[in-house]
PDB file of N, CA and C in Angstrom:
ATOM      1  N   UNK A   1     186.741 -52.255 -60.224  1.00  0.00           N
ATOM      2  CA  UNK A   1     185.976 -51.930 -59.051  1.00  0.00           C
ATOM      3  C   UNK A   1     186.791 -50.948 -58.223  1.00  0.00           C
ATOM      4  N   UNK A   2     186.125 -49.933 -57.736  1.00  0.00           N
ATOM      5  CA  UNK A   2     186.748 -48.926 -56.897  1.00  0.00           C
ATOM      6  C   UNK A   2     185.980 -48.846 -55.593  1.00  0.00           C
ATOM      7  N   UNK A   3     186.662 -48.977 -54.479  1.00  0.00           N
ATOM      8  CA  UNK A   3     186.056 -48.840 -53.158  1.00  0.00           C
ATOM      9  C   UNK A   3     186.455 -47.500 -52.577  1.00  0.00           C
ATOM     10  N   UNK A   4     185.477 -46.767 -52.063  1.00  0.00           N
ATOM     11  CA  UNK A   4     185.736 -45.468 -51.459  1.00  0.00           C
ATOM     12  C   UNK A   4     185.294 -45.540 -49.997  1.00  0.00           C
ATOM     13  N   UNK A   5     186.170 -45.149 -49.102  1.00  0.00           N
ATOM     14  CA  UNK A   5     185.870 -45.138 -47.670  1.00  0.00           C
ATOM     15  C   UNK A   5     185.935 -43.698 -47.175  1.00  0.00           C
ATOM     16  N   UNK A   6     184.833 -42.955 -47.342  1.00  0.00           N
ATOM     17  CA  UNK A   6     184.834 -41.539 -46.952  1.00  0.00           C
ATOM     18  C   UNK A   6     184.859 -41.373 -45.431  1.00  0.00           C
ATOM     19  N   UNK A   7     185.315 -40.206 -44.993  1.00  0.00           N
ATOM     20  CA  UNK A   7     185.416 -39.908 -43.567  1.00  0.00           C
ATOM     21  C   UNK A   7     184.131 -39.309 -42.987  1.00  0.00           C
ATOM     22  N   UNK A   8     183.224 -38.867 -43.846  1.00  0.00           N
ATOM     23  CA  UNK A   8     182.010 -38.221 -43.335  1.00  0.00           C
ATOM     24  C   UNK A   8     180.832 -38.498 -44.265  1.00  0.00           C
ATOM     25  N   UNK A   9     179.653 -38.196 -43.778  1.00  0.00           N
ATOM     26  CA  UNK A   9     178.435 -38.346 -44.561  1.00  0.00           C
ATOM     27  C   UNK A   9     178.493 -37.456 -45.807  1.00  0.00           C
ATOM     28  N   UNK A  10     178.956 -36.232 -45.632  1.00  0.00           N
ATOM     29  CA  UNK A  10     179.064 -35.299 -46.759  1.00  0.00           C
ATOM     30  C   UNK A  10     180.009 -35.816 -47.838  1.00  0.00           C
ATOM     31  N   UNK A  11     181.133 -36.371 -47.426  1.00  0.00           N
ATOM     32  CA  UNK A  11     182.084 -36.924 -48.396  1.00  0.00           C
ATOM     33  C   UNK A  11     181.494 -38.134 -49.110  1.00  0.00           C
ATOM     34  N   UNK A  12     180.722 -38.949 -48.388  1.00  0.00           N
ATOM     35  CA  UNK A  12     180.088 -40.118 -48.999  1.00  0.00           C
ATOM     36  C   UNK A  12     179.086 -39.675 -50.071  1.00  0.00           C
ATOM     37  N   UNK A  13     178.281 -38.679 -49.756  1.00  0.00           N
ATOM     38  CA  UNK A  13     177.324 -38.151 -50.731  1.00  0.00           C
ATOM     39  C   UNK A  13     178.034 -37.594 -51.956  1.00  0.00           C
ATOM     40  N   UNK A  14     179.095 -36.854 -51.715  1.00  0.00           N
ATOM     41  CA  UNK A  14     179.848 -36.254 -52.828  1.00  0.00           C
ATOM     42  C   UNK A  14     180.407 -37.352 -53.724  1.00  0.00           C
ATOM     43  N   UNK A  15     181.017 -38.372 -53.138  1.00  0.00           N
ATOM     44  CA  UNK A  15     181.625 -39.453 -53.921  1.00  0.00           C
ATOM     45  C   UNK A  15     180.569 -40.210 -54.730  1.00  0.00           C
ATOM     46  N   UNK A  16     179.429 -40.502 -54.092  1.00  0.00           N
ATOM     47  CA  UNK A  16     178.351 -41.187 -54.810  1.00  0.00           C
ATOM     48  C   UNK A  16     177.835 -40.342 -55.966  1.00  0.00           C
ATOM     49  N   UNK A  17     177.607 -39.077 -55.697  1.00  0.00           N
ATOM     50  CA  UNK A  17     177.078 -38.186 -56.730  1.00  0.00           C
ATOM     51  C   UNK A  17     178.036 -38.070 -57.914  1.00  0.00           C
ATOM     52  N   UNK A  18     179.328 -37.934 -57.644  1.00  0.00           N
ATOM     53  CA  UNK A  18     180.309 -37.827 -58.721  1.00  0.00           C
ATOM     54  C   UNK A  18     180.364 -39.102 -59.551  1.00  0.00           C
ATOM     55  N   UNK A  19     180.361 -40.255 -58.876  1.00  0.00           N
ATOM     56  CA  UNK A  19     180.417 -41.538 -59.585  1.00  0.00           C
ATOM     57  C   UNK A  19     179.179 -41.734 -60.460  1.00  0.00           C
ATOM     58  N   UNK A  20     178.030 -41.303 -59.972  1.00  0.00           N
ATOM     59  CA  UNK A  20     176.791 -41.439 -60.734  1.00  0.00           C
ATOM     60  C   UNK A  20     176.736 -40.474 -61.912  1.00  0.00           C
ATOM     61  N   UNK A  21     177.094 -39.250 -61.674  1.00  0.00           N
ATOM     62  CA  UNK A  21     176.931 -38.192 -62.679  1.00  0.00           C
ATOM     63  C   UNK A  21     177.852 -38.371 -63.888  1.00  0.00           C
ATOM     64  N   UNK A  22     179.076 -38.858 -63.674  1.00  0.00           N
ATOM     65  CA  UNK A  22     180.045 -38.934 -64.766  1.00  0.00           C
ATOM     66  C   UNK A  22     179.680 -39.926 -65.848  1.00  0.00           C
ATOM     67  N   UNK A  23     178.930 -40.975 -65.485  1.00  0.00           N
ATOM     68  CA  UNK A  23     178.622 -42.014 -66.461  1.00  0.00           C
ATOM     69  C   UNK A  23     179.785 -42.964 -66.677  1.00  0.00           C
ATOM     70  N   UNK A  24     180.845 -42.813 -65.901  1.00  0.00           N
ATOM     71  CA  UNK A  24     182.021 -43.672 -66.042  1.00  0.00           C
ATOM     72  C   UNK A  24     181.827 -45.026 -65.366  1.00  0.00           C
ATOM     73  N   UNK A  25     180.791 -45.148 -64.555  1.00  0.00           N
ATOM     74  CA  UNK A  25     180.530 -46.393 -63.825  1.00  0.00           C
ATOM     75  C   UNK A  25     179.261 -47.041 -64.370  1.00  0.00           C
ATOM     76  N   UNK A  26     179.256 -48.355 -64.440  1.00  0.00           N
ATOM     77  CA  UNK A  26     178.044 -49.071 -64.839  1.00  0.00           C
ATOM     78  C   UNK A  26     177.061 -49.131 -63.685  1.00  0.00           C
ATOM     79  N   UNK A  27     177.596 -49.297 -62.473  1.00  0.00           N
ATOM     80  CA  UNK A  27     176.761 -49.401 -61.282  1.00  0.00           C
ATOM     81  C   UNK A  27     177.486 -48.772 -60.105  1.00  0.00           C
ATOM     82  N   UNK A  28     176.713 -48.174 -59.217  1.00  0.00           N
ATOM     83  CA  UNK A  28     177.268 -47.572 -58.002  1.00  0.00           C
ATOM     84  C   UNK A  28     176.450 -48.096 -56.831  1.00  0.00           C
ATOM     85  N   UNK A  29     177.129 -48.668 -55.849  1.00  0.00           N
ATOM     86  CA  UNK A  29     176.491 -49.188 -54.642  1.00  0.00           C
ATOM     87  C   UNK A  29     176.893 -48.313 -53.483  1.00  0.00           C
ATOM     88  N   UNK A  30     175.939 -47.981 -52.624  1.00  0.00           N
ATOM     89  CA  UNK A  30     176.255 -47.083 -51.519  1.00  0.00           C
ATOM     90  C   UNK A  30     175.603 -47.486 -50.216  1.00  0.00           C
ATOM     91  N   UNK A  31     176.313 -47.260 -49.137  1.00  0.00           N
ATOM     92  CA  UNK A  31     175.820 -47.450 -47.783  1.00  0.00           C
ATOM     93  C   UNK A  31     175.998 -46.111 -47.084  1.00  0.00           C
ATOM     94  N   UNK A  32     174.899 -45.458 -46.747  1.00  0.00           N
ATOM     95  CA  UNK A  32     174.959 -44.138 -46.127  1.00  0.00           C
ATOM     96  C   UNK A  32     174.413 -44.198 -44.708  1.00  0.00           C
ATOM     97  N   UNK A  33     174.769 -43.215 -43.924  1.00  0.00           N
ATOM     98  CA  UNK A  33     174.272 -43.101 -42.566  1.00  0.00           C
ATOM     99  C   UNK A  33     172.770 -42.815 -42.607  1.00  0.00           C
ATOM    100  N   UNK A  34     171.973 -43.776 -42.176  1.00  0.00           N
ATOM    101  CA  UNK A  34     170.523 -43.643 -42.258  1.00  0.00           C
ATOM    102  C   UNK A  34     170.003 -42.472 -41.432  1.00  0.00           C
ATOM    103  N   UNK A  35     170.604 -42.237 -40.285  1.00  0.00           N
ATOM    104  CA  UNK A  35     170.115 -41.168 -39.412  1.00  0.00           C
ATOM    105  C   UNK A  35     170.377 -39.781 -40.008  1.00  0.00           C
ATOM    106  N   UNK A  36     171.311 -39.688 -40.931  1.00  0.00           N
ATOM    107  CA  UNK A  36     171.645 -38.383 -41.510  1.00  0.00           C
ATOM    108  C   UNK A  36     171.113 -38.209 -42.928  1.00  0.00           C
ATOM    109  N   UNK A  37     170.571 -39.254 -43.508  1.00  0.00           N
ATOM    110  CA  UNK A  37     170.114 -39.212 -44.889  1.00  0.00           C
ATOM    111  C   UNK A  37     168.806 -38.430 -45.011  1.00  0.00           C
ATOM    112  N   UNK A  38     168.794 -37.464 -45.902  1.00  0.00           N
ATOM    113  CA  UNK A  38     167.625 -36.613 -46.107  1.00  0.00           C
ATOM    114  C   UNK A  38     166.979 -36.917 -47.459  1.00  0.00           C
ATOM    115  N   UNK A  39     165.684 -36.670 -47.541  1.00  0.00           N
ATOM    116  CA  UNK A  39     164.942 -36.909 -48.777  1.00  0.00           C
ATOM    117  C   UNK A  39     165.570 -36.139 -49.951  1.00  0.00           C
ATOM    118  N   UNK A  40     165.955 -34.897 -49.715  1.00  0.00           N
ATOM    119  CA  UNK A  40     166.554 -34.079 -50.775  1.00  0.00           C
ATOM    120  C   UNK A  40     167.868 -34.690 -51.276  1.00  0.00           C
ATOM    121  N   UNK A  41     168.616 -35.324 -50.386  1.00  0.00           N
ATOM    122  CA  UNK A  41     169.868 -35.974 -50.788  1.00  0.00           C
ATOM    123  C   UNK A  41     169.589 -37.184 -51.677  1.00  0.00           C
ATOM    124  N   UNK A  42     168.545 -37.930 -51.342  1.00  0.00           N
ATOM    125  CA  UNK A  42     168.159 -39.064 -52.183  1.00  0.00           C
ATOM    126  C   UNK A  42     167.752 -38.593 -53.578  1.00  0.00           C
ATOM    127  N   UNK A  43     167.001 -37.505 -53.637  1.00  0.00           N
ATOM    128  CA  UNK A  43     166.587 -36.953 -54.942  1.00  0.00           C
ATOM    129  C   UNK A  43     167.796 -36.491 -55.755  1.00  0.00           C
ATOM    130  N   UNK A  44     168.767 -35.880 -55.076  1.00  0.00           N
ATOM    131  CA  UNK A  44     169.976 -35.425 -55.764  1.00  0.00           C
ATOM    132  C   UNK A  44     170.742 -36.601 -56.369  1.00  0.00           C
ATOM    133  N   UNK A  45     170.837 -37.689 -55.610  1.00  0.00           N
ATOM    134  CA  UNK A  45     171.521 -38.886 -56.114  1.00  0.00           C
ATOM    135  C   UNK A  45     170.744 -39.499 -57.279  1.00  0.00           C
ATOM    136  N   UNK A  46     169.434 -39.489 -57.180  1.00  0.00           N
ATOM    137  CA  UNK A  46     168.593 -40.012 -58.253  1.00  0.00           C
ATOM    138  C   UNK A  46     168.797 -39.199 -59.541  1.00  0.00           C
ATOM    139  N   UNK A  47     168.845 -37.901 -59.416  1.00  0.00           N
ATOM    140  CA  UNK A  47     169.064 -37.029 -60.570  1.00  0.00           C
ATOM    141  C   UNK A  47     170.450 -37.271 -61.175  1.00  0.00           C
ATOM    142  N   UNK A  48     171.463 -37.419 -60.328  1.00  0.00           N
ATOM    143  CA  UNK A  48     172.823 -37.680 -60.815  1.00  0.00           C
ATOM    144  C   UNK A  48     172.877 -39.006 -61.569  1.00  0.00           C
ATOM    145  N   UNK A  49     172.171 -40.018 -61.080  1.00  0.00           N
ATOM    146  CA  UNK A  49     172.148 -41.322 -61.756  1.00  0.00           C
ATOM    147  C   UNK A  49     171.513 -41.201 -63.138  1.00  0.00           C
ATOM    148  N   UNK A  50     170.450 -40.410 -63.230  1.00  0.00           N
ATOM    149  CA  UNK A  50     169.812 -40.198 -64.537  1.00  0.00           C
ATOM    150  C   UNK A  50     170.748 -39.461 -65.487  1.00  0.00           C
ATOM    151  N   UNK A  51     171.429 -38.442 -64.963  1.00  0.00           N
ATOM    152  CA  UNK A  51     172.363 -37.675 -65.799  1.00  0.00           C
ATOM    153  C   UNK A  51     173.447 -38.565 -66.379  1.00  0.00           C
ATOM    154  N   UNK A  52     174.006 -39.439 -65.548  1.00  0.00           N
ATOM    155  CA  UNK A  52     175.106 -40.289 -65.996  1.00  0.00           C
ATOM    156  C   UNK A  52     174.671 -41.613 -66.591  1.00  0.00           C
ATOM    157  N   UNK A  53     173.374 -41.906 -66.585  1.00  0.00           N
ATOM    158  CA  UNK A  53     172.906 -43.187 -67.103  1.00  0.00           C
ATOM    159  C   UNK A  53     173.473 -44.357 -66.305  1.00  0.00           C
ATOM    160  N   UNK A  54     173.574 -44.162 -65.003  1.00  0.00           N
ATOM    161  CA  UNK A  54     174.223 -45.143 -64.127  1.00  0.00           C
ATOM    162  C   UNK A  54     173.197 -45.785 -63.211  1.00  0.00           C
ATOM    163  N   UNK A  55     173.319 -47.100 -63.027  1.00  0.00           N
ATOM    164  CA  UNK A  55     172.455 -47.829 -62.097  1.00  0.00           C
ATOM    165  C   UNK A  55     172.963 -47.575 -60.688  1.00  0.00           C
ATOM    166  N   UNK A  56     172.083 -47.157 -59.800  1.00  0.00           N
ATOM    167  CA  UNK A  56     172.462 -46.859 -58.417  1.00  0.00           C
ATOM    168  C   UNK A  56     171.662 -47.724 -57.462  1.00  0.00           C
ATOM    169  N   UNK A  57     172.326 -48.206 -56.431  1.00  0.00           N
ATOM    170  CA  UNK A  57     171.644 -48.979 -55.398  1.00  0.00           C
ATOM    171  C   UNK A  57     172.151 -48.522 -54.040  1.00  0.00           C
ATOM    172  N   UNK A  58     171.204 -48.107 -53.193  1.00  0.00           N
ATOM    173  CA  UNK A  58     171.554 -47.728 -51.825  1.00  0.00           C
ATOM    174  C   UNK A  58     171.068 -48.820 -50.891  1.00  0.00           C
ATOM    175  N   UNK A  59     171.922 -49.239 -49.994  1.00  0.00           N
ATOM    176  CA  UNK A  59     171.575 -50.256 -49.017  1.00  0.00           C
ATOM    177  C   UNK A  59     171.246 -49.556 -47.710  1.00  0.00           C
ATOM    178  N   UNK A  60     170.055 -49.858 -47.196  1.00  0.00           N
ATOM    179  CA  UNK A  60     169.569 -49.199 -45.990  1.00  0.00           C
ATOM    180  C   UNK A  60     169.215 -50.270 -44.968  1.00  0.00           C
ATOM    181  N   UNK A  61     169.209 -49.915 -43.694  1.00  0.00           N
ATOM    182  CA  UNK A  61     168.865 -50.908 -42.669  1.00  0.00           C
ATOM    183  C   UNK A  61     167.392 -51.304 -42.746  1.00  0.00           C
ATOM    184  N   UNK A  62     167.069 -52.444 -42.185  1.00  0.00           N
ATOM    185  CA  UNK A  62     165.705 -52.958 -42.241  1.00  0.00           C
ATOM    186  C   UNK A  62     164.697 -51.981 -41.635  1.00  0.00           C
ATOM    187  N   UNK A  63     165.110 -51.219 -40.642  1.00  0.00           N
ATOM    188  CA  UNK A  63     164.206 -50.256 -40.003  1.00  0.00           C
ATOM    189  C   UNK A  63     163.703 -49.199 -40.986  1.00  0.00           C
ATOM    190  N   UNK A  64     164.388 -48.998 -42.087  1.00  0.00           N
ATOM    191  CA  UNK A  64     164.026 -47.958 -43.051  1.00  0.00           C
ATOM    192  C   UNK A  64     162.976 -48.423 -44.059  1.00  0.00           C
ATOM    193  N   UNK A  65     162.537 -49.680 -43.969  1.00  0.00           N
ATOM    194  CA  UNK A  65     161.619 -50.212 -44.973  1.00  0.00           C
ATOM    195  C   UNK A  65     160.313 -49.414 -45.055  1.00  0.00           C
ATOM    196  N   UNK A  66     159.849 -48.848 -43.965  1.00  0.00           N
ATOM    197  CA  UNK A  66     158.614 -48.074 -43.983  1.00  0.00           C
ATOM    198  C   UNK A  66     158.795 -46.594 -44.206  1.00  0.00           C
ATOM    199  N   UNK A  67     160.031 -46.131 -44.278  1.00  0.00           N
ATOM    200  CA  UNK A  67     160.305 -44.701 -44.472  1.00  0.00           C
ATOM    201  C   UNK A  67     160.041 -44.284 -45.915  1.00  0.00           C
ATOM    202  N   UNK A  68     159.595 -43.053 -46.138  1.00  0.00           N
ATOM    203  CA  UNK A  68     159.402 -42.584 -47.511  1.00  0.00           C
ATOM    204  C   UNK A  68     160.744 -42.486 -48.241  1.00  0.00           C
ATOM    205  N   UNK A  69     160.674 -42.667 -49.536  1.00  0.00           N
ATOM    206  CA  UNK A  69     161.903 -42.624 -50.331  1.00  0.00           C
ATOM    207  C   UNK A  69     161.582 -42.171 -51.745  1.00  0.00           C
ATOM    208  N   UNK A  70     162.553 -41.541 -52.377  1.00  0.00           N
ATOM    209  CA  UNK A  70     162.419 -41.107 -53.766  1.00  0.00           C
ATOM    210  C   UNK A  70     162.760 -42.230 -54.739  1.00  0.00           C
ATOM    211  N   UNK A  71     163.179 -43.369 -54.229  1.00  0.00           N
ATOM    212  CA  UNK A  71     163.608 -44.473 -55.080  1.00  0.00           C
ATOM    213  C   UNK A  71     162.484 -44.939 -56.005  1.00  0.00           C
ATOM    214  N   UNK A  72     162.847 -45.329 -57.213  1.00  0.00           N
ATOM    215  CA  UNK A  72     161.865 -45.852 -58.157  1.00  0.00           C
ATOM    216  C   UNK A  72     161.568 -47.316 -57.882  1.00  0.00           C
ATOM    217  N   UNK A  73     162.531 -48.005 -57.312  1.00  0.00           N
ATOM    218  CA  UNK A  73     162.365 -49.411 -56.958  1.00  0.00           C
ATOM    219  C   UNK A  73     162.933 -49.620 -55.568  1.00  0.00           C
ATOM    220  N   UNK A  74     162.125 -50.201 -54.688  1.00  0.00           N
ATOM    221  CA  UNK A  74     162.584 -50.502 -53.326  1.00  0.00           C
ATOM    222  C   UNK A  74     162.349 -51.969 -53.058  1.00  0.00           C
ATOM    223  N   UNK A  75     163.397 -52.652 -52.644  1.00  0.00           N
ATOM    224  CA  UNK A  75     163.326 -54.073 -52.332  1.00  0.00           C
ATOM    225  C   UNK A  75     163.649 -54.283 -50.866  1.00  0.00           C
ATOM    226  N   UNK A  76     162.945 -55.199 -50.242  1.00  0.00           N
ATOM    227  CA  UNK A  76     163.250 -55.621 -48.874  1.00  0.00           C
ATOM    228  C   UNK A  76     163.726 -57.062 -48.987  1.00  0.00           C
ATOM    229  N   UNK A  77     164.978 -57.298 -48.616  1.00  0.00           N
ATOM    230  CA  UNK A  77     165.594 -58.612 -48.760  1.00  0.00           C
ATOM    231  C   UNK A  77     165.759 -59.266 -47.397  1.00  0.00           C
ATOM    232  N   UNK A  78     165.380 -60.535 -47.309  1.00  0.00           N
ATOM    233  CA  UNK A  78     165.537 -61.287 -46.073  1.00  0.00           C
ATOM    234  C   UNK A  78     166.138 -62.649 -46.408  1.00  0.00           C
ATOM    235  N   UNK A  79     167.170 -63.061 -45.687  1.00  0.00           N
ATOM    236  CA  UNK A  79     167.748 -64.381 -45.958  1.00  0.00           C
ATOM    237  C   UNK A  79     166.764 -65.488 -45.569  1.00  0.00           C
ATOM    238  N   UNK A  80     166.755 -66.534 -46.342  1.00  0.00           N
ATOM    239  CA  UNK A  80     165.975 -67.739 -46.061  1.00  0.00           C
ATOM    240  C   UNK A  80     166.922 -68.926 -46.247  1.00  0.00           C
ATOM    241  N   UNK A  81     166.619 -69.994 -45.573  1.00  0.00           N
ATOM    242  CA  UNK A  81     167.466 -71.180 -45.695  1.00  0.00           C
ATOM    243  C   UNK A  81     167.557 -71.584 -47.175  1.00  0.00           C
ATOM    244  N   UNK A  82     168.750 -71.532 -47.708  1.00  0.00           N
ATOM    245  CA  UNK A  82     168.961 -71.902 -49.106  1.00  0.00           C
ATOM    246  C   UNK A  82     168.499 -70.864 -50.107  1.00  0.00           C
ATOM    247  N   UNK A  83     168.222 -69.648 -49.649  1.00  0.00           N
ATOM    248  CA  UNK A  83     167.766 -68.660 -50.606  1.00  0.00           C
ATOM    249  C   UNK A  83     167.540 -67.285 -50.019  1.00  0.00           C
ATOM    250  N   UNK A  84     166.604 -66.581 -50.626  1.00  0.00           N
ATOM    251  CA  UNK A  84     166.351 -65.192 -50.272  1.00  0.00           C
ATOM    252  C   UNK A  84     164.861 -64.906 -50.469  1.00  0.00           C
ATOM    253  N   UNK A  85     164.271 -64.170 -49.549  1.00  0.00           N
ATOM    254  CA  UNK A  85     162.891 -63.713 -49.683  1.00  0.00           C
ATOM    255  C   UNK A  85     162.947 -62.245 -50.092  1.00  0.00           C
ATOM    256  N   UNK A  86     162.283 -61.912 -51.191  1.00  0.00           N
ATOM    257  CA  UNK A  86     162.291 -60.555 -51.730  1.00  0.00           C
ATOM    258  C   UNK A  86     160.872 -60.005 -51.727  1.00  0.00           C
ATOM    259  N   UNK A  87     160.712 -58.848 -51.107  1.00  0.00           N
ATOM    260  CA  UNK A  87     159.452 -58.113 -51.178  1.00  0.00           C
ATOM    261  C   UNK A  87     159.716 -56.862 -52.011  1.00  0.00           C
ATOM    262  N   UNK A  88     158.906 -56.650 -53.049  1.00  0.00           N
ATOM    263  CA  UNK A  88     158.991 -55.397 -53.791  1.00  0.00           C
ATOM    264  C   UNK A  88     158.114 -54.413 -53.033  1.00  0.00           C
ATOM    265  N   UNK A  89     158.752 -53.487 -52.324  1.00  0.00           N
ATOM    266  CA  UNK A  89     158.057 -52.521 -51.477  1.00  0.00           C
ATOM    267  C   UNK A  89     157.452 -51.411 -52.319  1.00  0.00           C
ATOM    268  N   UNK A  90     158.174 -51.003 -53.352  1.00  0.00           N
ATOM    269  CA  UNK A  90     157.732 -49.905 -54.206  1.00  0.00           C
ATOM    270  C   UNK A  90     158.321 -50.117 -55.584  1.00  0.00           C
ATOM    271  N   UNK A  91     157.517 -49.864 -56.598  1.00  0.00           N
ATOM    272  CA  UNK A  91     158.014 -49.912 -57.973  1.00  0.00           C
ATOM    273  C   UNK A  91     157.239 -48.922 -58.808  1.00  0.00           C
ATOM    274  N   UNK A  92     157.914 -48.356 -59.761  1.00  0.00           N
ATOM    275  CA  UNK A  92     157.277 -47.348 -60.612  1.00  0.00           C
ATOM    276  C   UNK A  92     156.182 -48.012 -61.457  1.00  0.00           C
ATOM    277  N   UNK A  93     154.996 -47.429 -61.391  1.00  0.00           N
ATOM    278  CA  UNK A  93     153.897 -47.889 -62.227  1.00  0.00           C
ATOM    279  C   UNK A  93     153.251 -49.191 -61.785  1.00  0.00           C
ATOM    280  N   UNK A  94     153.451 -49.599 -60.536  1.00  0.00           N
ATOM    281  CA  UNK A  94     152.844 -50.854 -60.123  1.00  0.00           C
ATOM    282  C   UNK A  94     152.665 -50.956 -58.624  1.00  0.00           C
ATOM    283  N   UNK A  95     152.002 -52.011 -58.229  1.00  0.00           N
ATOM    284  CA  UNK A  95     151.733 -52.265 -56.824  1.00  0.00           C
ATOM    285  C   UNK A  95     152.885 -53.008 -56.183  1.00  0.00           C
ATOM    286  N   UNK A  96     152.986 -52.963 -54.853  1.00  0.00           N
ATOM    287  CA  UNK A  96     153.983 -53.774 -54.157  1.00  0.00           C
ATOM    288  C   UNK A  96     153.729 -55.270 -54.411  1.00  0.00           C
ATOM    289  N   UNK A  97     154.788 -56.041 -54.387  1.00  0.00           N
ATOM    290  CA  UNK A  97     154.691 -57.486 -54.578  1.00  0.00           C
ATOM    291  C   UNK A  97     155.450 -58.159 -53.440  1.00  0.00           C
ATOM    292  N   UNK A  98     154.734 -58.772 -52.505  1.00  0.00           N
ATOM    293  CA  UNK A  98     155.412 -59.413 -51.378  1.00  0.00           C
ATOM    294  C   UNK A  98     155.724 -60.884 -51.660  1.00  0.00           C
ATOM    295  N   UNK A  99     156.717 -61.401 -50.931  1.00  0.00           N
ATOM    296  CA  UNK A  99     156.951 -62.836 -50.843  1.00  0.00           C
ATOM    297  C   UNK A  99     157.502 -63.554 -52.053  1.00  0.00           C
ATOM    298  N   UNK A 100     158.404 -62.942 -52.783  1.00  0.00           N
ATOM    299  CA  UNK A 100     159.055 -63.648 -53.893  1.00  0.00           C
ATOM    300  C   UNK A 100     160.211 -64.451 -53.306  1.00  0.00           C
ATOM    301  N   UNK A 101     160.157 -65.758 -53.452  1.00  0.00           N
ATOM    302  CA  UNK A 101     161.208 -66.606 -52.896  1.00  0.00           C
ATOM    303  C   UNK A 101     162.198 -67.000 -53.979  1.00  0.00           C
ATOM    304  N   UNK A 102     163.463 -66.741 -53.705  1.00  0.00           N
ATOM    305  CA  UNK A 102     164.540 -67.161 -54.589  1.00  0.00           C
ATOM    306  C   UNK A 102     165.305 -68.268 -53.883  1.00  0.00           C
ATOM    307  N   UNK A 103     165.474 -69.379 -54.542  1.00  0.00           N
ATOM    308  CA  UNK A 103     166.258 -70.461 -53.957  1.00  0.00           C
ATOM    309  C   UNK A 103     167.517 -70.634 -54.781  1.00  0.00           C
ATOM    310  N   UNK A 104     168.569 -70.971 -54.097  1.00  0.00           N
ATOM    311  CA  UNK A 104     169.861 -71.121 -54.747  1.00  0.00           C
ATOM    312  C   UNK A 104     170.296 -72.570 -54.660  1.00  0.00           C
ATOM    313  N   UNK A 105     170.927 -73.035 -55.714  1.00  0.00           N
ATOM    314  CA  UNK A 105     171.445 -74.398 -55.719  1.00  0.00           C
ATOM    315  C   UNK A 105     172.514 -74.534 -54.648  1.00  0.00           C
ATOM    316  N   UNK A 106     172.615 -75.689 -54.089  1.00  0.00           N
ATOM    317  CA  UNK A 106     173.647 -75.962 -53.098  1.00  0.00           C
ATOM    318  C   UNK A 106     175.010 -75.826 -53.768  1.00  0.00           C
ATOM    319  N   UNK A 107     175.846 -74.878 -53.345  1.00  0.00           N
ATOM    320  CA  UNK A 107     177.137 -74.677 -54.008  1.00  0.00           C
ATOM    321  C   UNK A 107     178.061 -75.876 -53.859  1.00  0.00           C
ATOM    322  N   UNK A 108     177.785 -76.748 -52.893  1.00  0.00           N
ATOM    323  CA  UNK A 108     178.624 -77.919 -52.700  1.00  0.00           C
ATOM    324  C   UNK A 108     178.172 -79.089 -53.569  1.00  0.00           C
ATOM    325  N   UNK A 109     176.976 -78.961 -54.159  1.00  0.00           N
ATOM    326  CA  UNK A 109     176.484 -80.037 -55.018  1.00  0.00           C
ATOM    327  C   UNK A 109     177.231 -80.004 -56.353  1.00  0.00           C
ATOM    328  N   UNK A 110     177.417 -81.147 -56.921  1.00  0.00           N
ATOM    329  CA  UNK A 110     178.122 -81.225 -58.205  1.00  0.00           C
ATOM    330  C   UNK A 110     177.284 -80.682 -59.336  1.00  0.00           C
ATOM    331  N   UNK A 111     177.919 -80.397 -60.464  1.00  0.00           N
ATOM    332  CA  UNK A 111     177.242 -79.845 -61.638  1.00  0.00           C
ATOM    333  C   UNK A 111     176.139 -80.784 -62.126  1.00  0.00           C
ATOM    334  N   UNK A 112     176.403 -82.083 -62.108  1.00  0.00           N
ATOM    335  CA  UNK A 112     175.444 -83.063 -62.611  1.00  0.00           C
ATOM    336  C   UNK A 112     174.159 -83.038 -61.777  1.00  0.00           C
ATOM    337  N   UNK A 113     174.250 -82.764 -60.480  1.00  0.00           N
ATOM    338  CA  UNK A 113     173.068 -82.745 -59.631  1.00  0.00           C
ATOM    339  C   UNK A 113     172.167 -81.564 -59.962  1.00  0.00           C
ATOM    340  N   UNK A 114     172.731 -80.476 -60.460  1.00  0.00           N
ATOM    341  CA  UNK A 114     171.954 -79.274 -60.769  1.00  0.00           C
ATOM    342  C   UNK A 114     171.233 -79.393 -62.099  1.00  0.00           C
ATOM    343  N   UNK A 115     171.728 -80.196 -62.983  1.00  0.00           N
ATOM    344  CA  UNK A 115     171.183 -80.272 -64.338  1.00  0.00           C
ATOM    345  C   UNK A 115     169.840 -80.941 -64.402  1.00  0.00           C
TER     346      UNK A 115
END
């Protein structure tokens, strides 16, 4: 795992694009400045991910859920007691799917209780 802490939005984009394009990474996770992120930049990152065969995930603030995006898959995640609520906002070739609830086993419970 490699963590990159760029000094600017431009450096963050460059680092993400390089990591995606090379194919040396299995997955690249990114947090970018939402106020500075442009549609063309998202498309560039998407193209780089395709070139390198790399899975890319950008984390955006909740306010961005209604904004247009070039992403092929968009998820809106909300914490729920003991789990997570997932809304599929956008997916290639299909309709949005709201309200998928994921529940997680109590990590303090013993193995026998989960079986």
